[in-house]
PDB file of N, CA and C in Angstrom:
ATOM      1  N   PRO A   1       0.839  -1.210   0.000  1.00  0.00           N
ATOM      2  CA  PRO A   1       0.000   0.000   0.000  1.00  0.00           C
ATOM      3  C   PRO A   1       0.871   1.256   0.000  1.00  0.00           C
ATOM      4  N   ASP A   2       0.386   2.254  -0.671  1.00  0.00           N
ATOM      5  CA  ASP A   2       1.112   3.520  -0.806  1.00  0.00           C
ATOM      6  C   ASP A   2       0.565   4.533   0.191  1.00  0.00           C
ATOM      7  N   SER A   3       1.379   4.898   1.159  1.00  0.00           N
ATOM      8  CA  SER A   3       1.007   5.985   2.062  1.00  0.00           C
ATOM      9  C   SER A   3       1.482   7.282   1.434  1.00  0.00           C
ATOM     10  N   VAL A   4       0.673   8.328   1.514  1.00  0.00           N
ATOM     11  CA  VAL A   4       1.010   9.592   0.883  1.00  0.00           C
ATOM     12  C   VAL A   4       0.940  10.723   1.902  1.00  0.00           C
ATOM     13  N   LEU A   5       1.684  11.789   1.598  1.00  0.00           N
ATOM     14  CA  LEU A   5       1.602  13.038   2.345  1.00  0.00           C
ATOM     15  C   LEU A   5       0.885  14.035   1.438  1.00  0.00           C
ATOM     16  N   VAL A   6      -0.199  14.610   1.927  1.00  0.00           N
ATOM     17  CA  VAL A   6      -0.956  15.592   1.147  1.00  0.00           C
ATOM     18  C   VAL A   6      -0.767  16.960   1.784  1.00  0.00           C
ATOM     19  N   VAL A   7      -0.257  17.905   0.999  1.00  0.00           N
ATOM     20  CA  VAL A   7      -0.142  19.298   1.432  1.00  0.00           C
ATOM     21  C   VAL A   7      -1.227  20.054   0.688  1.00  0.00           C
ATOM     22  N   ARG A   8      -2.164  20.647   1.422  1.00  0.00           N
ATOM     23  CA  ARG A   8      -3.346  21.285   0.827  1.00  0.00           C
ATOM     24  C   ARG A   8      -3.338  22.779   1.110  1.00  0.00           C
ATOM     25  N   SER A   9      -3.738  23.526   0.092  1.00  0.00           N
ATOM     26  CA  SER A   9      -3.918  24.967   0.232  1.00  0.00           C
ATOM     27  C   SER A   9      -5.282  25.321  -0.340  1.00  0.00           C
ATOM     28  N   ILE A  10      -5.985  26.206   0.327  1.00  0.00           N
ATOM     29  CA  ILE A  10      -7.299  26.647  -0.155  1.00  0.00           C
ATOM     30  C   ILE A  10      -7.233  28.156  -0.346  1.00  0.00           C
ATOM     31  N   LEU A  11      -7.499  28.592  -1.574  1.00  0.00           N
ATOM     32  CA  LEU A  11      -7.439  30.014  -1.920  1.00  0.00           C
ATOM     33  C   LEU A  11      -8.840  30.495  -2.266  1.00  0.00           C
ATOM     34  N   THR A  12      -9.194  31.671  -1.816  1.00  0.00           N
ATOM     35  CA  THR A  12     -10.476  32.267  -2.173  1.00  0.00           C
ATOM     36  C   THR A  12     -10.217  33.446  -3.088  1.00  0.00           C
ATOM     37  N   VAL A  13     -10.802  33.402  -4.278  1.00  0.00           N
ATOM     38  CA  VAL A  13     -10.673  34.476  -5.260  1.00  0.00           C
ATOM     39  C   VAL A  13     -12.086  34.825  -5.718  1.00  0.00           C
ATOM     40  N   VAL A  14     -12.546  36.014  -5.352  1.00  0.00           N
ATOM     41  CA  VAL A  14     -13.895  36.513  -5.658  1.00  0.00           C
ATOM     42  C   VAL A  14     -14.918  35.475  -5.213  1.00  0.00           C
ATOM     43  N   ASN A  15     -15.597  34.800  -6.131  1.00  0.00           N
ATOM     44  CA  ASN A  15     -16.675  33.876  -5.771  1.00  0.00           C
ATOM     45  C   ASN A  15     -16.253  32.410  -5.788  1.00  0.00           C
ATOM     46  N   TYR A  16     -14.969  32.127  -5.979  1.00  0.00           N
ATOM     47  CA  TYR A  16     -14.502  30.749  -6.039  1.00  0.00           C
ATOM     48  C   TYR A  16     -13.552  30.436  -4.891  1.00  0.00           C
ATOM     49  N   ASP A  17     -13.620  29.186  -4.445  1.00  0.00           N
ATOM     50  CA  ASP A  17     -12.622  28.635  -3.537  1.00  0.00           C
ATOM     51  C   ASP A  17     -11.859  27.594  -4.340  1.00  0.00           C
ATOM     52  N   TYR A  18     -10.555  27.751  -4.435  1.00  0.00           N
ATOM     53  CA  TYR A  18      -9.716  26.810  -5.158  1.00  0.00           C
ATOM     54  C   TYR A  18      -8.993  25.946  -4.148  1.00  0.00           C
ATOM     55  N   ILE A  19      -9.118  24.637  -4.308  1.00  0.00           N
ATOM     56  CA  ILE A  19      -8.447  23.687  -3.436  1.00  0.00           C
ATOM     57  C   ILE A  19      -7.298  23.086  -4.233  1.00  0.00           C
ATOM     58  N   VAL A  20      -6.079  23.262  -3.748  1.00  0.00           N
ATOM     59  CA  VAL A  20      -4.894  22.749  -4.432  1.00  0.00           C
ATOM     60  C   VAL A  20      -4.207  21.752  -3.512  1.00  0.00           C
ATOM     61  N   ASP A  21      -4.043  20.523  -4.006  1.00  0.00           N
ATOM     62  CA  ASP A  21      -3.373  19.467  -3.259  1.00  0.00           C
ATOM     63  C   ASP A  21      -2.059  19.107  -3.945  1.00  0.00           C
ATOM     64  N   PHE A  22      -1.013  18.965  -3.152  1.00  0.00           N
ATOM     65  CA  PHE A  22       0.249  18.388  -3.611  1.00  0.00           C
ATOM     66  C   PHE A  22       0.367  17.052  -2.887  1.00  0.00           C
ATOM     67  N   VAL A  23       0.387  15.967  -3.640  1.00  0.00           N
ATOM     68  CA  VAL A  23       0.394  14.620  -3.071  1.00  0.00           C
ATOM     69  C   VAL A  23       1.774  14.016  -3.307  1.00  0.00           C
ATOM     70  N   PHE A  24       2.471  13.696  -2.223  1.00  0.00           N
ATOM     71  CA  PHE A  24       3.811  13.119  -2.283  1.00  0.00           C
ATOM     72  C   PHE A  24       3.713  11.624  -1.981  1.00  0.00           C
ATOM     73  N   HIS A  25       4.051  10.794  -2.983  1.00  0.00           N
ATOM     74  CA  HIS A  25       3.999   9.339  -2.848  1.00  0.00           C
ATOM     75  C   HIS A  25       5.333   8.813  -2.348  1.00  0.00           C
ATOM     76  N   GLN A  26       5.309   7.634  -1.734  1.00  0.00           N
ATOM     77  CA  GLN A  26       6.528   7.007  -1.235  1.00  0.00           C
ATOM     78  C   GLN A  26       7.497   6.661  -2.361  1.00  0.00           C
ATOM     79  N   SER A  27       6.972   6.477  -3.560  1.00  0.00           N
ATOM     80  CA  SER A  27       7.822   6.134  -4.704  1.00  0.00           C
ATOM     81  C   SER A  27       8.613   7.336  -5.212  1.00  0.00           C
ATOM     82  N   GLY A  28       8.312   8.521  -4.705  1.00  0.00           N
ATOM     83  CA  GLY A  28       8.964   9.737  -5.177  1.00  0.00           C
ATOM     84  C   GLY A  28       8.110  10.509  -6.163  1.00  0.00           C
ATOM     85  N   ALA A  29       7.004   9.916  -6.606  1.00  0.00           N
ATOM     86  CA  ALA A  29       6.097  10.612  -7.526  1.00  0.00           C
ATOM     87  C   ALA A  29       5.380  11.733  -6.792  1.00  0.00           C
ATOM     88  N   VAL A  30       5.167  12.820  -7.491  1.00  0.00           N
ATOM     89  CA  VAL A  30       4.430  13.966  -6.946  1.00  0.00           C
ATOM     90  C   VAL A  30       3.207  14.182  -7.834  1.00  0.00           C
ATOM     91  N   GLU A  31       2.071  14.271  -7.215  1.00  0.00           N
ATOM     92  CA  GLU A  31       0.805  14.463  -7.925  1.00  0.00           C
ATOM     93  C   GLU A  31       0.209  15.801  -7.499  1.00  0.00           C
ATOM     94  N   THR A  32      -0.403  16.510  -8.418  1.00  0.00           N
ATOM     95  CA  THR A  32      -1.106  17.747  -8.065  1.00  0.00           C
ATOM     96  C   THR A  32      -2.566  17.603  -8.441  1.00  0.00           C
ATOM     97  N   ARG A  33      -3.410  18.201  -7.626  1.00  0.00           N
ATOM     98  CA  ARG A  33      -4.851  18.239  -7.896  1.00  0.00           C
ATOM     99  C   ARG A  33      -5.319  19.671  -7.647  1.00  0.00           C
ATOM    100  N   ALA A  34      -6.164  20.152  -8.535  1.00  0.00           N
ATOM    101  CA  ALA A  34      -6.737  21.483  -8.359  1.00  0.00           C
ATOM    102  C   ALA A  34      -8.235  21.400  -8.641  1.00  0.00           C
ATOM    103  N   ILE A  35      -9.018  21.939  -7.717  1.00  0.00           N
ATOM    104  CA  ILE A  35     -10.472  21.877  -7.818  1.00  0.00           C
ATOM    105  C   ILE A  35     -11.021  23.279  -7.577  1.00  0.00           C
ATOM    106  N   SER A  36     -11.976  23.694  -8.389  1.00  0.00           N
ATOM    107  CA  SER A  36     -12.637  24.978  -8.143  1.00  0.00           C
ATOM    108  C   SER A  36     -14.035  24.708  -7.607  1.00  0.00           C
ATOM    109  N   THR A  37     -14.402  25.451  -6.580  1.00  0.00           N
ATOM    110  CA  THR A  37     -15.736  25.355  -5.999  1.00  0.00           C
ATOM    111  C   THR A  37     -16.265  26.771  -5.855  1.00  0.00           C
ATOM    112  N   GLY A  38     -17.478  26.901  -5.425  1.00  0.00           N
ATOM    113  CA  GLY A  38     -18.040  28.228  -5.209  1.00  0.00           C
ATOM    114  C   GLY A  38     -19.345  28.392  -5.962  1.00  0.00           C
ATOM    115  N   TYR A  39     -19.789  29.606  -6.046  1.00  0.00           N
ATOM    116  CA  TYR A  39     -21.057  29.871  -6.721  1.00  0.00           C
ATOM    117  C   TYR A  39     -20.797  30.573  -8.049  1.00  0.00           C
ATOM    118  N   ILE A  40     -21.729  30.415  -8.968  1.00  0.00           N
ATOM    119  CA  ILE A  40     -21.576  30.957 -10.311  1.00  0.00           C
ATOM    120  C   ILE A  40     -21.639  32.487 -10.275  1.00  0.00           C
ATOM    121  N   LEU A  41     -20.768  33.113 -11.036  1.00  0.00           N
ATOM    122  CA  LEU A  41     -20.777  34.565 -11.176  1.00  0.00           C
ATOM    123  C   LEU A  41     -21.575  34.871 -12.443  1.00  0.00           C
ATOM    124  N   SER A  42     -22.829  35.202 -12.273  1.00  0.00           N
ATOM    125  CA  SER A  42     -23.733  35.378 -13.408  1.00  0.00           C
ATOM    126  C   SER A  42     -23.877  36.848 -13.770  1.00  0.00           C
ATOM    127  N   THR A  43     -24.478  37.090 -14.923  1.00  0.00           N
ATOM    128  CA  THR A  43     -24.781  38.446 -15.385  1.00  0.00           C
ATOM    129  C   THR A  43     -26.233  38.480 -15.833  1.00  0.00           C
ATOM    130  N   PHE A  44     -26.713  39.674 -16.094  1.00  0.00           N
ATOM    131  CA  PHE A  44     -28.081  39.848 -16.569  1.00  0.00           C
ATOM    132  C   PHE A  44     -28.179  39.285 -17.981  1.00  0.00           C
ATOM    133  N   TYR A  45     -29.221  38.489 -18.245  1.00  0.00           N
ATOM    134  CA  TYR A  45     -29.372  37.873 -19.553  1.00  0.00           C
ATOM    135  C   TYR A  45     -29.885  38.897 -20.560  1.00  0.00           C
ATOM    136  N   ASP A  46     -29.232  38.911 -21.701  1.00  0.00           N
ATOM    137  CA  ASP A  46     -29.639  39.727 -22.838  1.00  0.00           C
ATOM    138  C   ASP A  46     -29.417  38.865 -24.074  1.00  0.00           C
ATOM    139  N   GLU A  47     -30.303  38.916 -25.024  1.00  0.00           N
ATOM    140  CA  GLU A  47     -30.201  38.077 -26.226  1.00  0.00           C
ATOM    141  C   GLU A  47     -28.856  38.237 -26.929  1.00  0.00           C
ATOM    142  N   ARG A  48     -28.264  39.444 -26.869  1.00  0.00           N
ATOM    143  CA  ARG A  48     -26.964  39.667 -27.515  1.00  0.00           C
ATOM    144  C   ARG A  48     -25.831  38.920 -26.823  1.00  0.00           C
ATOM    145  N   GLU A  49     -26.036  38.516 -25.583  1.00  0.00           N
ATOM    146  CA  GLU A  49     -25.012  37.789 -24.822  1.00  0.00           C
ATOM    147  C   GLU A  49     -25.076  36.284 -25.038  1.00  0.00           C
ATOM    148  N   LYS A  50     -26.011  35.802 -25.832  1.00  0.00           N
ATOM    149  CA  LYS A  50     -26.228  34.372 -26.030  1.00  0.00           C
ATOM    150  C   LYS A  50     -24.960  33.601 -26.426  1.00  0.00           C
ATOM    151  N   PRO A  51     -24.093  34.147 -27.304  1.00  0.00           N
ATOM    152  CA  PRO A  51     -22.878  33.387 -27.668  1.00  0.00           C
ATOM    153  C   PRO A  51     -21.866  33.236 -26.526  1.00  0.00           C
ATOM    154  N   TYR A  52     -22.042  33.963 -25.437  1.00  0.00           N
ATOM    155  CA  TYR A  52     -21.026  34.000 -24.377  1.00  0.00           C
ATOM    156  C   TYR A  52     -21.440  33.269 -23.107  1.00  0.00           C
ATOM    157  N   GLY A  53     -22.555  32.545 -23.145  1.00  0.00           N
ATOM    158  CA  GLY A  53     -22.979  31.834 -21.956  1.00  0.00           C
ATOM    159  C   GLY A  53     -24.271  31.090 -22.180  1.00  0.00           C
ATOM    160  N   TYR A  54     -24.860  30.620 -21.085  1.00  0.00           N
ATOM    161  CA  TYR A  54     -26.100  29.868 -21.132  1.00  0.00           C
ATOM    162  C   TYR A  54     -27.160  30.583 -20.310  1.00  0.00           C
ATOM    163  N   ARG A  55     -28.360  30.608 -20.845  1.00  0.00           N
ATOM    164  CA  ARG A  55     -29.476  31.216 -20.117  1.00  0.00           C
ATOM    165  C   ARG A  55     -29.870  30.257 -18.998  1.00  0.00           C
ATOM    166  N   LEU A  56     -29.703  30.692 -17.758  1.00  0.00           N
ATOM    167  CA  LEU A  56     -29.995  29.853 -16.607  1.00  0.00           C
ATOM    168  C   LEU A  56     -31.413  30.040 -16.093  1.00  0.00           C
ATOM    169  N   ASP A  57     -31.938  31.237 -16.271  1.00  0.00           N
ATOM    170  CA  ASP A  57     -33.294  31.563 -15.850  1.00  0.00           C
ATOM    171  C   ASP A  57     -33.747  32.733 -16.702  1.00  0.00           C
ATOM    172  N   GLU A  58     -34.881  33.275 -16.399  1.00  0.00           N
ATOM    173  CA  GLU A  58     -35.457  34.335 -17.239  1.00  0.00           C
ATOM    174  C   GLU A  58     -34.483  35.483 -17.495  1.00  0.00           C
ATOM    175  N   ASN A  59     -33.818  35.968 -16.476  1.00  0.00           N
ATOM    176  CA  ASN A  59     -32.920  37.114 -16.624  1.00  0.00           C
ATOM    177  C   ASN A  59     -31.489  36.815 -16.178  1.00  0.00           C
ATOM    178  N   ILE A  60     -31.100  35.551 -16.166  1.00  0.00           N
ATOM    179  CA  ILE A  60     -29.786  35.191 -15.650  1.00  0.00           C
ATOM    180  C   ILE A  60     -28.968  34.483 -16.727  1.00  0.00           C
ATOM    181  N   ASN A  61     -27.754  34.981 -16.956  1.00  0.00           N
ATOM    182  CA  ASN A  61     -26.822  34.409 -17.921  1.00  0.00           C
ATOM    183  C   ASN A  61     -25.622  33.828 -17.163  1.00  0.00           C
ATOM    184  N   GLY A  62     -25.302  32.557 -17.439  1.00  0.00           N
ATOM    185  CA  GLY A  62     -24.098  31.937 -16.880  1.00  0.00           C
ATOM    186  C   GLY A  62     -22.984  32.046 -17.902  1.00  0.00           C
ATOM    187  N   ASN A  63     -21.990  32.874 -17.619  1.00  0.00           N
ATOM    188  CA  ASN A  63     -20.930  33.158 -18.589  1.00  0.00           C
ATOM    189  C   ASN A  63     -20.013  31.958 -18.799  1.00  0.00           C
ATOM    190  N   LEU A  64     -19.588  31.756 -20.054  1.00  0.00           N
ATOM    191  CA  LEU A  64     -18.589  30.747 -20.378  1.00  0.00           C
ATOM    192  C   LEU A  64     -17.225  31.267 -19.943  1.00  0.00           C
ATOM    193  N   HIS A  65     -16.450  30.432 -19.255  1.00  0.00           N
ATOM    194  CA  HIS A  65     -15.108  30.816 -18.848  1.00  0.00           C
ATOM    195  C   HIS A  65     -14.323  29.573 -18.450  1.00  0.00           C
ATOM    196  N   HIS A  66     -13.039  29.727 -18.264  1.00  0.00           N
ATOM    197  CA  HIS A  66     -12.155  28.618 -17.937  1.00  0.00           C
ATOM    198  C   HIS A  66     -11.444  28.883 -16.616  1.00  0.00           C
ATOM    199  N   HIS A  67     -11.058  27.818 -15.975  1.00  0.00           N
ATOM    200  CA  HIS A  67     -10.198  27.878 -14.802  1.00  0.00           C
ATOM    201  C   HIS A  67      -8.925  27.130 -15.175  1.00  0.00           C
ATOM    202  N   MET A  68      -7.815  27.833 -15.191  1.00  0.00           N
ATOM    203  CA  MET A  68      -6.551  27.217 -15.597  1.00  0.00           C
ATOM    204  C   MET A  68      -5.562  27.267 -14.433  1.00  0.00           C
ATOM    205  N   PHE A  69      -4.850  26.177 -14.240  1.00  0.00           N
ATOM    206  CA  PHE A  69      -3.872  26.081 -13.174  1.00  0.00           C
ATOM    207  C   PHE A  69      -2.524  25.747 -13.798  1.00  0.00           C
ATOM    208  N   HIS A  70      -1.488  26.410 -13.350  1.00  0.00           N
ATOM    209  CA  HIS A  70      -0.149  26.189 -13.879  1.00  0.00           C
ATOM    210  C   HIS A  70       0.800  25.911 -12.714  1.00  0.00           C
ATOM    211  N   PHE A  71       1.627  24.902 -12.877  1.00  0.00           N
ATOM    212  CA  PHE A  71       2.594  24.535 -11.863  1.00  0.00           C
ATOM    213  C   PHE A  71       3.962  24.404 -12.517  1.00  0.00           C
ATOM    214  N   LYS A  72       4.987  24.733 -11.784  1.00  0.00           N
ATOM    215  CA  LYS A  72       6.351  24.552 -12.275  1.00  0.00           C
ATOM    216  C   LYS A  72       7.099  23.690 -11.269  1.00  0.00           C
ATOM    217  N   ALA A  73       7.787  22.687 -11.778  1.00  0.00           N
ATOM    218  CA  ALA A  73       8.570  21.802 -10.919  1.00  0.00           C
ATOM    219  C   ALA A  73      10.043  21.935 -11.269  1.00  0.00           C
ATOM    220  N   ASP A  74      10.898  21.951 -10.250  1.00  0.00           N
ATOM    221  CA  ASP A  74      12.343  21.980 -10.459  1.00  0.00           C
ATOM    222  C   ASP A  74      12.796  20.551 -10.693  1.00  0.00           C
ATOM    223  N   LEU A  75      13.117  20.216 -11.928  1.00  0.00           N
ATOM    224  CA  LEU A  75      13.464  18.846 -12.284  1.00  0.00           C
ATOM    225  C   LEU A  75      14.912  18.503 -11.982  1.00  0.00           C
ATOM    226  N   ASP A  76      15.677  19.437 -11.428  1.00  0.00           N
ATOM    227  CA  ASP A  76      17.079  19.190 -11.110  1.00  0.00           C
ATOM    228  C   ASP A  76      17.277  18.735  -9.665  1.00  0.00           C
ATOM    229  N   ILE A  77      16.228  18.330  -8.991  1.00  0.00           N
ATOM    230  CA  ILE A  77      16.353  17.852  -7.615  1.00  0.00           C
ATOM    231  C   ILE A  77      17.212  16.589  -7.618  1.00  0.00           C
ATOM    232  N   GLY A  78      18.260  16.573  -6.826  1.00  0.00           N
ATOM    233  CA  GLY A  78      19.151  15.415  -6.770  1.00  0.00           C
ATOM    234  C   GLY A  78      20.071  15.309  -7.978  1.00  0.00           C
ATOM    235  N   GLY A  79      20.239  16.392  -8.724  1.00  0.00           N
ATOM    236  CA  GLY A  79      21.125  16.370  -9.888  1.00  0.00           C
ATOM    237  C   GLY A  79      20.352  16.493 -11.193  1.00  0.00           C
ATOM    238  N   THR A  80      21.116  16.566 -12.277  1.00  0.00           N
ATOM    239  CA  THR A  80      20.494  16.785 -13.588  1.00  0.00           C
ATOM    240  C   THR A  80      20.279  15.491 -14.360  1.00  0.00           C
ATOM    241  N   SER A  81      20.562  14.336 -13.768  1.00  0.00           N
ATOM    242  CA  SER A  81      20.411  13.074 -14.488  1.00  0.00           C
ATOM    243  C   SER A  81      19.021  12.464 -14.312  1.00  0.00           C
ATOM    244  N   ASN A  82      18.089  13.191 -13.727  1.00  0.00           N
ATOM    245  CA  ASN A  82      16.726  12.693 -13.548  1.00  0.00           C
ATOM    246  C   ASN A  82      16.054  12.504 -14.903  1.00  0.00           C
ATOM    247  N   ARG A  83      15.073  11.614 -14.957  1.00  0.00           N
ATOM    248  CA  ARG A  83      14.286  11.468 -16.175  1.00  0.00           C
ATOM    249  C   ARG A  83      12.924  12.116 -15.924  1.00  0.00           C
ATOM    250  N   TYR A  84      12.327  12.630 -16.960  1.00  0.00           N
ATOM    251  CA  TYR A  84      11.026  13.274 -16.844  1.00  0.00           C
ATOM    252  C   TYR A  84      10.283  13.139 -18.154  1.00  0.00           C
ATOM    253  N   GLU A  85       9.012  13.434 -18.117  1.00  0.00           N
ATOM    254  CA  GLU A  85       8.152  13.318 -19.288  1.00  0.00           C
ATOM    255  C   GLU A  85       7.584  14.696 -19.605  1.00  0.00           C
ATOM    256  N   THR A  86       7.501  15.015 -20.881  1.00  0.00           N
ATOM    257  CA  THR A  86       6.905  16.288 -21.288  1.00  0.00           C
ATOM    258  C   THR A  86       5.556  16.031 -21.934  1.00  0.00           C
ATOM    259  N   LEU A  87       4.739  17.042 -21.951  1.00  0.00           N
ATOM    260  CA  LEU A  87       3.412  16.974 -22.543  1.00  0.00           C
ATOM    261  C   LEU A  87       3.307  18.071 -23.585  1.00  0.00           C
ATOM    262  N   GLU A  88       3.053  17.683 -24.799  1.00  0.00           N
ATOM    263  CA  GLU A  88       2.907  18.663 -25.869  1.00  0.00           C
ATOM    264  C   GLU A  88       1.473  19.185 -25.877  1.00  0.00           C
ATOM    265  N   ILE A  89       1.314  20.489 -25.778  1.00  0.00           N
ATOM    266  CA  ILE A  89       0.000  21.117 -25.749  1.00  0.00           C
ATOM    267  C   ILE A  89      -0.212  21.841 -27.065  1.00  0.00           C
ATOM    268  N   SER A  90      -1.380  21.634 -27.657  1.00  0.00           N
ATOM    269  CA  SER A  90      -1.687  22.306 -28.915  1.00  0.00           C
ATOM    270  C   SER A  90      -3.123  22.808 -28.888  1.00  0.00           C
ATOM    271  N   GLU A  91      -3.423  23.701 -29.804  1.00  0.00           N
ATOM    272  CA  GLU A  91      -4.754  24.292 -29.893  1.00  0.00           C
ATOM    273  C   GLU A  91      -5.469  23.700 -31.101  1.00  0.00           C
ATOM    274  N   GLU A  92      -6.752  23.419 -30.930  1.00  0.00           N
ATOM    275  CA  GLU A  92      -7.542  22.942 -32.055  1.00  0.00           C
ATOM    276  C   GLU A  92      -8.900  23.632 -32.053  1.00  0.00           C
ATOM    277  N   VAL A  93      -9.475  23.750 -33.206  1.00  0.00           N
ATOM    278  CA  VAL A  93     -10.801  24.356 -33.355  1.00  0.00           C
ATOM    279  C   VAL A  93     -11.834  23.247 -33.263  1.00  0.00           C
ATOM    280  N   SER A  94     -12.802  23.409 -32.364  1.00  0.00           N
ATOM    281  CA  SER A  94     -13.840  22.396 -32.146  1.00  0.00           C
ATOM    282  C   SER A  94     -15.203  22.987 -32.448  1.00  0.00           C
ATOM    283  N   PRO A  95     -16.142  22.168 -32.901  1.00  0.00           N
ATOM    284  CA  PRO A  95     -17.492  22.672 -33.171  1.00  0.00           C
ATOM    285  C   PRO A  95     -18.223  22.998 -31.876  1.00  0.00           C
ATOM    286  N   LEU A  96     -19.037  24.017 -31.903  1.00  0.00           N
ATOM    287  CA  LEU A  96     -19.856  24.417 -30.758  1.00  0.00           C
ATOM    288  C   LEU A  96     -21.311  24.270 -31.180  1.00  0.00           C
ATOM    289  N   THR A  97     -21.765  23.035 -31.273  1.00  0.00           N
ATOM    290  CA  THR A  97     -23.088  22.739 -31.825  1.00  0.00           C
ATOM    291  C   THR A  97     -24.228  23.202 -30.923  1.00  0.00           C
ATOM    292  N   GLN A  98     -23.945  23.464 -29.640  1.00  0.00           N
ATOM    293  CA  GLN A  98     -24.995  23.949 -28.745  1.00  0.00           C
ATOM    294  C   GLN A  98     -25.459  25.341 -29.160  1.00  0.00           C
ATOM    295  N   VAL A  99     -24.595  26.106 -29.824  1.00  0.00           N
ATOM    296  CA  VAL A  99     -24.925  27.469 -30.233  1.00  0.00           C
ATOM    297  C   VAL A  99     -25.488  27.471 -31.643  1.00  0.00           C
ATOM    298  N   SER A 100     -24.745  26.894 -32.587  1.00  0.00           N
ATOM    299  CA  SER A 100     -25.223  26.768 -33.970  1.00  0.00           C
ATOM    300  C   SER A 100     -24.364  25.732 -34.689  1.00  0.00           C
ATOM    301  N   SER A 101     -24.823  25.333 -35.869  1.00  0.00           N
ATOM    302  CA  SER A 101     -24.078  24.301 -36.600  1.00  0.00           C
ATOM    303  C   SER A 101     -22.757  24.812 -37.146  1.00  0.00           C
ATOM    304  N   SER A 102     -22.594  26.145 -37.262  1.00  0.00           N
ATOM    305  CA  SER A 102     -21.349  26.687 -37.808  1.00  0.00           C
ATOM    306  C   SER A 102     -20.442  27.309 -36.742  1.00  0.00           C
ATOM    307  N   ALA A 103     -20.887  27.367 -35.490  1.00  0.00           N
ATOM    308  CA  ALA A 103     -20.097  27.991 -34.429  1.00  0.00           C
ATOM    309  C   ALA A 103     -18.942  27.083 -34.018  1.00  0.00           C
ATOM    310  N   THR A 104     -17.795  27.677 -33.667  1.00  0.00           N
ATOM    311  CA  THR A 104     -16.630  26.940 -33.210  1.00  0.00           C
ATOM    312  C   THR A 104     -16.020  27.627 -31.991  1.00  0.00           C
ATOM    313  N   TYR A 105     -15.130  26.923 -31.322  1.00  0.00           N
ATOM    314  CA  TYR A 105     -14.354  27.494 -30.234  1.00  0.00           C
ATOM    315  C   TYR A 105     -12.979  26.848 -30.244  1.00  0.00           C
ATOM    316  N   ASN A 106     -12.029  27.504 -29.617  1.00  0.00           N
ATOM    317  CA  ASN A 106     -10.659  26.976 -29.559  1.00  0.00           C
ATOM    318  C   ASN A 106     -10.502  26.162 -28.290  1.00  0.00           C
ATOM    319  N   GLN A 107      -9.949  24.963 -28.428  1.00  0.00           N
ATOM    320  CA  GLN A 107      -9.751  24.072 -27.295  1.00  0.00           C
ATOM    321  C   GLN A 107      -8.283  23.702 -27.221  1.00  0.00           C
ATOM    322  N   ILE A 108      -7.777  23.584 -26.005  1.00  0.00           N
ATOM    323  CA  ILE A 108      -6.389  23.180 -25.786  1.00  0.00           C
ATOM    324  C   ILE A 108      -6.359  21.667 -25.577  1.00  0.00           C
ATOM    325  N   ARG A 109      -5.479  20.998 -26.279  1.00  0.00           N
ATOM    326  CA  ARG A 109      -5.300  19.541 -26.140  1.00  0.00           C
ATOM    327  C   ARG A 109      -3.904  19.248 -25.669  1.00  0.00           C
TER     328      ARG A 109
END
């Protein structure tokens, strides 16, 4: 069985609470977890705002937005002969069929 040490930080930014966990495994692996909680930051619904969110109620618009987390690790711990894995990130255009058959949005892969 793997016993782990979890170091947790909770940050409050406007209407969100972000929970960030750093999980240290006995094998030396380090895992990160980031979770956003809180209540939706809505705006007044107007037909012109339709491409930017979802109508939640008669006069309430839930805006489309992203939560992005970035971490940097020092890979030279214990010397420079460590091995590591990289992740190639690219952008692609995806269909947004909920809005219209011709609408698209950019997605990170």
